[in-house]
Amino acid sequence: MSEDEVFQKHKEDAAKAMAKASRFEQRLPVPVAKPIEKEKPVEPEAPQAAAKAEQAKDLSAKAEAKPAEKTEAEKKEEAKAKELAEKKREIVEERIYTVPLVKAYKKPENKRAGYAVRLLRQFVSRHMKANESAVFIAPQANESINARGSRRPPKLLKIKASRDKEGKVLAELAA
C-alpha cells in the first residue's frame, strides 16, 4: 500500500469512528455491515462443467444408496413400535386427587416450584402406597406447576394418579 492509500484508510476509519460516536449520542440504529466478498479466481469453463458432472454422478449414486438404508431404518422403527405396543402399561389402580401445594408458599420465592414438585411426589407416593422413586410426574403436570413462573405455583392441583403392575405410578393432570 502506498502512503496515500494508508492515509486515506486512516481518514475513513476516523470518519467511521466519529459517525459511530455521534450515532451513540443520538441513539440511532447502527447500520448492519455487509460481509466482504473475496474475489474468486476465474477458471476455464470446461473443468467447471466436468466437476459439476462428477458431483451430479456422486449425488445420484448417493440417492440410489439411501432408499435401501431408509427401508432398513423404517423396519427397525416399526419393530420398536410393535414392542412398545406390547409393553403398554397395564393399569392396576387409578385415582383422582386434589393435591394441596399451599405449603410451598412457606419456602423462599425462588424455590417454591421445585418444592411444589416434591410435595406432589410425596403426596402421590403416600396415597398410592409406592416409593417416591417410583412416582413419575407427567410433563403437563410439571408445566402447570411452573405456568406462572417458579415463584407462584398453584395452591391446588387436580391430578390423576395411575399405578401399573410393575408398581410405577404416573401423576398426570386430570382433565
Protein backbone atom coordinates (compact mmCIF):
# COMPACT_ATOMS: atom_id res chain seq x y z
CA MET A 1 0.00 0.00 0.00
CA SER A 2 1.21 3.42 -0.81
CA GLU A 3 1.29 6.27 1.69
CA ASP A 4 -1.75 7.88 0.05
CA GLU A 5 -3.79 4.69 0.41
CA VAL A 6 -2.76 4.28 4.05
CA PHE A 7 -3.62 7.92 4.77
CA GLN A 8 -6.98 7.54 3.01
CA LYS A 9 -7.78 4.38 5.02
CA HIS A 10 -6.93 6.11 8.34
CA LYS A 11 -9.08 9.04 7.31
CA GLU A 12 -12.04 6.72 6.54
CA ASP A 13 -11.58 4.91 9.86
CA ALA A 14 -11.59 8.20 11.75
CA ALA A 15 -14.76 9.28 9.93
CA LYS A 16 -16.45 5.96 10.83
CA ALA A 17 -15.46 6.36 14.48
CA MET A 18 -16.87 9.89 14.56
CA ALA A 19 -20.10 8.72 12.94
CA LYS A 20 -20.33 5.86 15.44
CA ALA A 21 -19.85 8.25 18.37
CA SER A 22 -22.50 10.66 17.09
CA ARG A 23 -24.93 7.77 16.46
CA PHE A 24 -24.41 6.62 20.06
CA GLU A 25 -25.15 10.09 21.38
CA GLN A 26 -28.30 10.36 19.24
CA ARG A 27 -29.31 6.72 19.92
CA LEU A 28 -29.72 6.00 16.22
CA PRO A 29 -29.74 2.40 14.93
CA VAL A 30 -26.37 1.13 13.74
CA PRO A 31 -26.38 0.00 10.10
CA VAL A 32 -25.51 -3.66 9.52
CA ALA A 33 -22.18 -4.14 7.79
CA LYS A 34 -22.13 -6.32 4.70
CA PRO A 35 -19.56 -9.15 4.62
CA ILE A 36 -16.57 -8.56 2.39
CA GLU A 37 -16.61 -10.83 -0.61
CA LYS A 38 -13.27 -12.13 -1.79
CA GLU A 39 -12.57 -12.21 -5.45
CA LYS A 40 -12.83 -15.70 -6.85
CA PRO A 41 -10.26 -16.77 -9.42
CA VAL A 42 -11.77 -17.29 -12.84
CA GLU A 43 -11.24 -20.78 -14.20
CA PRO A 44 -11.93 -22.06 -17.68
CA GLU A 45 -15.49 -23.32 -18.19
CA ALA A 46 -14.58 -26.82 -19.30
CA PRO A 47 -13.14 -28.00 -15.92
CA GLN A 48 -16.11 -26.48 -14.08
CA ALA A 49 -18.55 -28.38 -16.26
CA ALA A 50 -16.62 -31.61 -15.69
CA ALA A 51 -16.60 -31.04 -11.93
CA LYS A 52 -20.37 -30.37 -11.92
CA ALA A 53 -20.96 -33.56 -13.89
CA GLU A 54 -18.92 -35.55 -11.36
CA GLN A 55 -20.87 -34.01 -8.46
CA ALA A 56 -24.14 -34.89 -10.15
CA LYS A 57 -22.99 -38.51 -10.59
CA ASP A 58 -21.96 -38.68 -6.90
CA LEU A 59 -25.31 -37.27 -5.78
CA SER A 60 -27.25 -39.72 -7.94
CA ALA A 61 -25.17 -42.62 -6.59
CA LYS A 62 -25.86 -41.47 -3.01
CA ALA A 63 -29.57 -41.07 -3.74
CA GLU A 64 -29.70 -44.65 -5.04
CA ALA A 65 -27.94 -45.94 -1.90
CA LYS A 66 -30.16 -44.04 0.60
CA PRO A 67 -33.51 -45.74 -0.12
CA ALA A 68 -32.06 -49.13 0.87
CA GLU A 69 -30.82 -47.65 4.16
CA LYS A 70 -34.16 -45.96 4.82
CA THR A 71 -36.05 -49.19 4.41
CA GLU A 72 -33.80 -50.85 6.99
CA ALA A 73 -34.28 -47.91 9.35
CA GLU A 74 -38.02 -48.00 8.77
CA LYS A 75 -38.06 -51.69 9.60
CA LYS A 76 -36.26 -51.01 12.86
CA GLU A 77 -38.71 -48.24 13.75
CA GLU A 78 -41.68 -50.49 13.01
CA ALA A 79 -40.18 -53.21 15.21
CA LYS A 80 -39.73 -50.70 18.05
CA ALA A 81 -43.32 -49.51 17.63
CA LYS A 82 -44.58 -53.11 17.88
CA GLU A 83 -42.50 -53.68 21.03
CA LEU A 84 -43.90 -50.52 22.61
CA ALA A 85 -47.43 -51.62 21.78
CA GLU A 86 -46.77 -54.94 23.50
CA LYS A 87 -45.21 -53.21 26.53
CA LYS A 88 -48.21 -50.92 27.01
CA ARG A 89 -48.88 -50.16 30.67
CA GLU A 90 -51.40 -52.39 32.35
CA ILE A 91 -53.05 -50.10 34.88
CA VAL A 92 -53.96 -51.74 38.16
CA GLU A 93 -55.29 -48.71 40.05
CA GLU A 94 -56.32 -45.20 39.00
CA ARG A 95 -57.43 -42.35 41.26
CA ILE A 96 -58.09 -38.63 41.02
CA TYR A 97 -56.70 -36.38 43.75
CA THR A 98 -56.70 -32.68 44.53
CA VAL A 99 -53.21 -32.07 45.85
CA PRO A 100 -52.69 -29.12 48.22
CA LEU A 101 -49.47 -27.33 47.33
CA VAL A 102 -50.00 -24.32 49.57
CA LYS A 103 -47.11 -25.43 51.83
CA ALA A 104 -44.77 -24.37 49.01
CA TYR A 105 -45.56 -20.75 49.89
CA LYS A 106 -43.63 -21.17 53.16
CA LYS A 107 -40.41 -21.50 51.17
CA PRO A 108 -38.42 -18.64 49.63
CA GLU A 109 -39.96 -17.34 46.40
CA ASN A 110 -37.35 -18.73 44.04
CA LYS A 111 -37.63 -22.28 45.46
CA ARG A 112 -41.41 -22.65 45.52
CA ALA A 113 -41.99 -24.53 42.25
CA GLY A 114 -39.30 -27.10 43.00
CA TYR A 115 -40.72 -27.65 46.44
CA ALA A 116 -44.23 -27.95 44.97
CA VAL A 117 -42.99 -30.76 42.71
CA ARG A 118 -41.52 -32.51 45.76
CA LEU A 119 -44.81 -32.06 47.63
CA LEU A 120 -46.69 -33.58 44.70
CA ARG A 121 -44.32 -36.55 44.58
CA GLN A 122 -44.64 -37.10 48.36
CA PHE A 123 -48.43 -36.84 48.26
CA VAL A 124 -48.78 -39.33 45.39
CA SER A 125 -46.32 -41.79 46.93
CA ARG A 126 -48.15 -41.65 50.28
CA HIS A 127 -51.64 -42.09 48.83
CA MET A 128 -50.76 -44.67 46.16
CA LYS A 129 -48.51 -46.62 48.57
CA ALA A 130 -45.41 -46.50 46.41
CA ASN A 131 -41.82 -45.33 46.79
CA GLU A 132 -41.04 -41.75 45.82
CA SER A 133 -38.55 -43.09 43.26
CA ALA A 134 -41.41 -44.99 41.55
CA VAL A 135 -43.52 -41.84 41.07
CA PHE A 136 -43.27 -40.19 37.64
CA ILE A 137 -44.71 -36.73 37.09
CA ALA A 138 -46.07 -36.09 33.59
CA PRO A 139 -44.59 -33.10 31.73
CA GLN A 140 -48.01 -31.39 31.57
CA ALA A 141 -48.31 -31.51 35.36
CA ASN A 142 -44.81 -30.08 35.73
CA GLU A 143 -45.61 -27.32 33.22
CA SER A 144 -48.81 -26.44 35.07
CA ILE A 145 -46.82 -26.04 38.30
CA ASN A 146 -44.38 -23.72 36.52
CA ALA A 147 -47.03 -21.98 34.38
CA ARG A 148 -46.96 -18.74 36.39
CA GLY A 149 -43.23 -18.97 36.99
CA SER A 150 -41.22 -20.65 39.69
CA ARG A 151 -42.27 -18.06 42.28
CA ARG A 152 -46.04 -18.63 42.11
CA PRO A 153 -47.04 -22.31 41.83
CA PRO A 154 -50.74 -23.18 42.13
CA LYS A 155 -52.09 -23.74 45.62
CA LEU A 156 -54.18 -26.73 44.49
CA LEU A 157 -53.56 -29.17 41.64
CA LYS A 158 -56.02 -31.78 40.41
CA ILE A 159 -54.19 -34.88 39.19
CA LYS A 160 -54.93 -38.39 38.02
CA ALA A 161 -52.59 -40.98 39.55
CA SER A 162 -52.36 -44.42 37.96
CA ARG A 163 -50.32 -47.43 39.10
CA ASP A 164 -49.27 -50.27 36.79
CA LYS A 165 -48.35 -53.91 37.50
CA GLU A 166 -44.68 -53.04 37.99
CA GLY A 167 -45.54 -50.63 40.82
CA LYS A 168 -44.74 -47.46 38.86
CA VAL A 169 -47.08 -44.53 39.49
CA LEU A 170 -47.76 -41.86 36.88
CA ALA A 171 -49.14 -38.50 38.03
CA GLU A 172 -50.79 -36.55 35.19
CA LEU A 173 -53.18 -33.64 35.04
CA ALA A 174 -56.83 -34.56 35.49
CA ALA A 175 -58.76 -33.02 32.62
